[in-house]
Amino acid sequence: MAPAALRFEEEEEWSEEEEWEEEWEEEEWEEEEEWAEEEEW
C-alpha cells in the first residue's frame, strides 16, 4: 500500500516539473523572437 502511494506522489511531482519546463521553454522562445525582431530593425 505505501509503495503505491509513494509512487503516485512521485508521478505527481514529475508531471508538475514537466509542465514547468514546458512553460519555461515557451518563455525562452518568446524572448528569442523578440531578439530577432530587434535585430531586424
N, C-alpha and C. Protein backbone atom coordinates (compact mmCIF):
# COMPACT_ATOMS: atom_id res chain seq x y z
N MET A 1 0.84 -1.21 0.00
CA MET A 1 0.00 0.00 0.00
C MET A 1 0.89 1.27 0.00
N ALA A 2 1.85 1.31 0.88
CA ALA A 2 2.69 2.51 0.98
C ALA A 2 3.49 2.75 -0.31
N PRO A 3 4.13 1.73 -0.87
CA PRO A 3 4.91 1.97 -2.10
C PRO A 3 4.05 2.54 -3.23
N ALA A 4 2.82 2.06 -3.37
CA ALA A 4 1.94 2.57 -4.43
C ALA A 4 1.64 4.05 -4.20
N ALA A 5 1.37 4.42 -2.97
CA ALA A 5 1.08 5.82 -2.67
C ALA A 5 2.33 6.67 -2.92
N LEU A 6 3.48 6.15 -2.55
CA LEU A 6 4.73 6.88 -2.75
C LEU A 6 4.97 7.07 -4.25
N ARG A 7 4.75 6.02 -5.01
CA ARG A 7 4.95 6.11 -6.46
C ARG A 7 4.01 7.15 -7.06
N PHE A 8 2.77 7.20 -6.57
CA PHE A 8 1.80 8.16 -7.09
C PHE A 8 2.29 9.59 -6.83
N GLU A 9 2.81 9.83 -5.62
CA GLU A 9 3.30 11.17 -5.30
C GLU A 9 4.46 11.54 -6.22
N GLU A 10 5.36 10.59 -6.47
CA GLU A 10 6.50 10.88 -7.34
C GLU A 10 6.02 11.23 -8.75
N GLU A 11 5.01 10.52 -9.24
CA GLU A 11 4.49 10.82 -10.58
C GLU A 11 3.85 12.20 -10.60
N GLU A 12 3.16 12.58 -9.51
CA GLU A 12 2.55 13.90 -9.44
C GLU A 12 3.63 14.97 -9.54
N GLU A 13 4.70 14.82 -8.75
CA GLU A 13 5.78 15.81 -8.77
C GLU A 13 6.42 15.86 -10.15
N TRP A 14 6.60 14.71 -10.78
CA TRP A 14 7.24 14.66 -12.09
C TRP A 14 6.40 15.42 -13.13
N SER A 15 5.08 15.21 -13.11
CA SER A 15 4.23 15.87 -14.09
C SER A 15 4.25 17.38 -13.85
N GLU A 16 4.31 17.81 -12.60
CA GLU A 16 4.38 19.25 -12.32
C GLU A 16 5.68 19.82 -12.86
N GLU A 17 6.79 19.10 -12.69
CA GLU A 17 8.07 19.58 -13.21
C GLU A 17 8.03 19.65 -14.73
N GLU A 18 7.41 18.67 -15.37
CA GLU A 18 7.31 18.66 -16.83
C GLU A 18 6.55 19.91 -17.30
N GLU A 19 5.44 20.22 -16.64
CA GLU A 19 4.65 21.39 -17.04
C GLU A 19 5.49 22.66 -16.87
N TRP A 20 6.26 22.74 -15.78
CA TRP A 20 7.08 23.92 -15.55
C TRP A 20 8.13 24.07 -16.65
N GLU A 21 8.75 22.95 -17.03
CA GLU A 21 9.76 23.02 -18.09
C GLU A 21 9.14 23.48 -19.40
N GLU A 22 7.93 23.01 -19.71
CA GLU A 22 7.29 23.42 -20.95
C GLU A 22 7.01 24.92 -20.93
N GLU A 23 6.52 25.45 -19.81
CA GLU A 23 6.24 26.88 -19.71
C GLU A 23 7.53 27.67 -19.85
N TRP A 24 8.62 27.18 -19.23
CA TRP A 24 9.89 27.89 -19.28
C TRP A 24 10.40 27.93 -20.72
N GLU A 25 10.28 26.81 -21.43
CA GLU A 25 10.73 26.78 -22.82
C GLU A 25 9.93 27.76 -23.67
N GLU A 26 8.64 27.88 -23.42
CA GLU A 26 7.82 28.83 -24.18
C GLU A 26 8.28 30.25 -23.92
N GLU A 27 8.59 30.58 -22.66
CA GLU A 27 9.06 31.92 -22.35
C GLU A 27 10.39 32.19 -23.04
N GLU A 28 11.30 31.21 -23.03
CA GLU A 28 12.59 31.36 -23.70
C GLU A 28 12.36 31.62 -25.18
N TRP A 29 11.44 30.91 -25.79
CA TRP A 29 11.17 31.05 -27.22
C TRP A 29 10.67 32.47 -27.51
N GLU A 30 9.80 33.00 -26.66
CA GLU A 30 9.28 34.35 -26.87
C GLU A 30 10.42 35.36 -26.79
N GLU A 31 11.34 35.17 -25.85
CA GLU A 31 12.47 36.09 -25.73
C GLU A 31 13.32 36.04 -26.98
N GLU A 32 13.54 34.85 -27.53
CA GLU A 32 14.35 34.73 -28.75
C GLU A 32 13.66 35.43 -29.91
N GLU A 33 12.33 35.34 -30.00
CA GLU A 33 11.62 36.01 -31.08
C GLU A 33 11.77 37.52 -30.95
N GLU A 34 11.70 38.04 -29.72
CA GLU A 34 11.86 39.48 -29.51
C GLU A 34 13.25 39.92 -29.95
N TRP A 35 14.27 39.13 -29.64
CA TRP A 35 15.63 39.46 -30.05
C TRP A 35 15.71 39.53 -31.57
N ALA A 36 15.08 38.57 -32.25
CA ALA A 36 15.13 38.54 -33.72
C ALA A 36 14.47 39.80 -34.28
N GLU A 37 13.37 40.23 -33.69
CA GLU A 37 12.69 41.43 -34.17
C GLU A 37 13.59 42.65 -33.98
N GLU A 38 14.28 42.75 -32.85
CA GLU A 38 15.16 43.89 -32.60
C GLU A 38 16.32 43.89 -33.60
N GLU A 39 16.84 42.73 -33.94
CA GLU A 39 17.95 42.66 -34.88
C GLU A 39 17.52 43.12 -36.27
N GLU A 40 16.26 42.86 -36.63
CA GLU A 40 15.78 43.27 -37.95
C GLU A 40 15.77 44.80 -38.06
N TRP A 41 15.46 45.47 -36.97
CA TRP A 41 15.48 46.93 -37.00
C TRP A 41 16.91 47.38 -37.24
